[in-house]
Protein backbone atom coordinates (compact mmCIF):
# COMPACT_ATOMS: atom_id res chain seq x y z
CA MET A 1 8.48 4.87 40.23
CA LYS A 2 11.42 3.98 38.00
CA LEU A 3 12.72 6.15 35.17
CA PHE A 4 14.08 4.30 32.13
CA THR A 5 15.64 5.58 28.95
CA SER A 6 13.85 4.00 26.01
CA VAL A 7 13.25 4.44 22.30
CA LEU A 8 9.76 5.40 21.11
CA ILE A 9 8.80 4.48 17.54
CA ASN A 10 5.91 6.54 16.16
CA PRO A 11 4.70 5.30 12.76
CA PHE A 12 2.09 8.07 12.62
CA LEU A 13 4.83 10.73 12.47
CA ASN A 14 7.58 8.43 11.08
CA THR A 15 9.82 9.20 14.04
CA CYS A 16 12.15 7.20 16.25
CA ILE A 17 13.23 9.17 19.34
CA ASP A 18 14.89 8.69 22.72
CA TYR A 19 12.14 8.75 25.35
CA ASN A 20 12.23 9.00 29.16
CA PHE A 21 9.82 6.30 30.29
CA LYS A 22 8.29 6.56 33.77
CA TYR A 23 7.42 3.09 35.02
CA GLU A 24 5.10 2.53 37.99
CA ASP A 25 3.24 -0.63 36.94
CA TYR A 26 2.10 -2.39 33.77
CA LYS A 27 -0.41 0.39 33.06
CA SER A 28 2.54 2.74 32.49
CA PHE A 29 2.85 1.26 28.99
CA TYR A 30 -0.66 2.35 27.97
CA LYS A 31 0.08 6.04 27.37
CA PRO A 32 3.21 5.86 25.16
CA LEU A 33 1.74 2.93 23.19
CA ASP A 34 -1.78 4.46 23.00
CA CYS A 35 -3.32 1.14 23.99
CA THR A 36 -5.04 -0.80 26.76
CA THR A 37 -3.20 -4.10 26.28
CA PHE A 38 0.37 -4.69 25.19
CA THR A 39 2.67 -7.48 24.11
CA ILE A 40 6.44 -7.84 23.97
CA ALA A 41 8.59 -8.91 21.02
CA ARG A 42 12.20 -9.89 21.63
CA ILE A 43 14.39 -8.03 19.12
CA GLY A 44 17.77 -8.77 20.68
CA GLU A 45 19.29 -10.82 23.46
CA LYS A 46 18.75 -8.00 25.96
CA THR A 47 16.32 -5.85 23.96
CA ASP A 48 12.50 -5.91 23.97
CA LEU A 49 9.97 -4.12 21.80
CA PHE A 50 6.70 -3.33 23.61
CA LEU A 51 3.67 -3.04 21.29
CA ASP A 52 -0.08 -2.53 21.25
CA ASP A 53 -1.39 -6.10 21.51
CA GLU A 54 -4.45 -5.16 19.45
CA GLY A 55 -2.53 -3.07 16.93
CA LEU A 56 -3.43 -5.15 13.90
CA HIS A 57 -7.15 -4.69 14.38
CA SER A 58 -7.75 -1.75 16.70
CA LYS A 59 -7.54 1.37 14.51
CA GLY A 60 -8.78 0.16 11.12
CA GLU A 61 -7.68 2.21 8.13
CA SER A 62 -6.11 4.88 10.34
CA GLN A 63 -3.51 2.38 11.65
CA ARG A 64 0.14 2.87 10.69
CA TYR A 65 2.91 0.29 10.44
CA PHE A 66 6.64 -0.08 10.78
CA GLY A 67 9.14 -2.81 10.17
CA TYR A 68 12.10 -3.61 12.37
CA ARG A 69 15.11 -5.09 10.59
CA MET A 70 16.58 -7.87 12.70
CA PRO A 71 20.35 -8.60 12.87
CA ASN A 72 19.90 -11.55 10.47
CA GLY A 73 18.47 -9.22 7.80
CA THR A 74 14.80 -10.20 8.09
CA ALA A 75 12.20 -7.58 8.99
CA ASN A 76 9.31 -8.10 11.36
CA ILE A 77 6.27 -5.90 10.75
CA TYR A 78 4.35 -4.23 13.57
CA ALA A 79 1.25 -2.02 13.86
CA GLY A 80 1.01 1.09 16.02
CA TYR A 81 3.59 2.57 18.37
CA GLY A 82 6.64 0.68 19.61
CA LEU A 83 8.67 1.20 22.78
CA ILE A 84 12.14 -0.33 23.04
CA LEU A 85 13.50 -1.22 26.48
CA GLY A 86 16.12 -3.61 27.84
CA ASN A 87 15.85 -6.67 30.07
CA ASP A 88 18.08 -8.55 32.48
CA GLU A 89 18.73 -12.26 33.01
CA HIS A 90 15.59 -12.48 35.17
CA GLY A 91 13.35 -10.81 32.56
CA GLU A 92 13.09 -7.55 34.51
CA THR A 93 12.70 -4.39 32.46
CA LEU A 94 15.71 -2.06 32.19
CA SER A 95 16.65 1.02 30.22
CA ALA A 96 17.12 0.40 26.51
CA PRO A 97 20.60 -0.87 25.61
CA VAL A 98 20.42 1.20 22.39
CA THR A 99 19.59 4.78 21.45
CA ALA A 100 17.30 6.04 18.72
CA ASP A 101 20.35 7.06 16.65
CA GLU A 102 21.80 3.55 16.92
CA ILE A 103 18.69 1.74 15.67
CA ARG A 104 17.02 4.30 13.38
CA SER A 105 18.45 2.59 10.28
CA ASN A 106 16.67 -0.64 11.38
CA ILE A 107 13.23 1.02 11.29
CA ILE A 108 11.20 0.91 8.08
CA PHE A 109 8.09 3.13 8.11
CA ASN A 110 5.20 2.24 5.82
CA PRO A 111 1.82 3.82 6.50
CA THR A 112 -0.13 1.47 4.23
CA GLY A 113 1.13 -1.83 5.61
CA GLU A 114 2.54 -2.87 2.23
CA PHE A 115 6.02 -4.36 2.38
CA ALA A 116 8.27 -6.18 -0.02
CA SER A 117 10.81 -8.86 0.78
CA GLU A 118 12.96 -11.32 -1.11
CA GLU A 119 10.00 -13.72 -0.95
CA GLY A 120 7.66 -11.16 -2.56
CA ALA A 121 5.32 -8.35 -1.63
CA TYR A 122 2.60 -8.53 1.00
CA HIS A 123 0.01 -6.30 2.60
CA ILE A 124 -1.11 -6.17 6.22
CA GLU A 125 -4.81 -5.46 6.49
CA PRO A 126 -6.44 -4.87 9.85
CA LYS A 127 -9.79 -6.61 10.27
CA THR A 128 -12.41 -6.73 12.94
CA PHE A 129 -13.61 -10.20 13.82
CA HIS A 130 -16.17 -11.59 16.18
CA LEU A 131 -16.05 -14.91 17.95
CA ALA A 132 -19.20 -16.98 17.65
């Protein structure tokens, strides 16, 4: 088991906290993200944001959203919990290179999924779909 310092983003409580993450295998991500599959978004050269891969359609109207303001000023929108960790030159997971205090101003909480940008306003709406 490895112990990493990370940042946990909780859009249900509108919190961004430092979090001690216990890593044993890929299933270790399930509990803090409240999911059964996850994906990774690169938010910095050595910084990754782990997310519920089914976040946009897994919780329906009870889902909550947050935006992460990138260094270039744009904001990417995500659904569900987020877990920030670091990575090395080989792609291996490391402790987060930032703390919650350092990135809190980059987090935009919005429970409804409605966001505005310079290009206009938009709404994220989770939907269930079935493949034929």
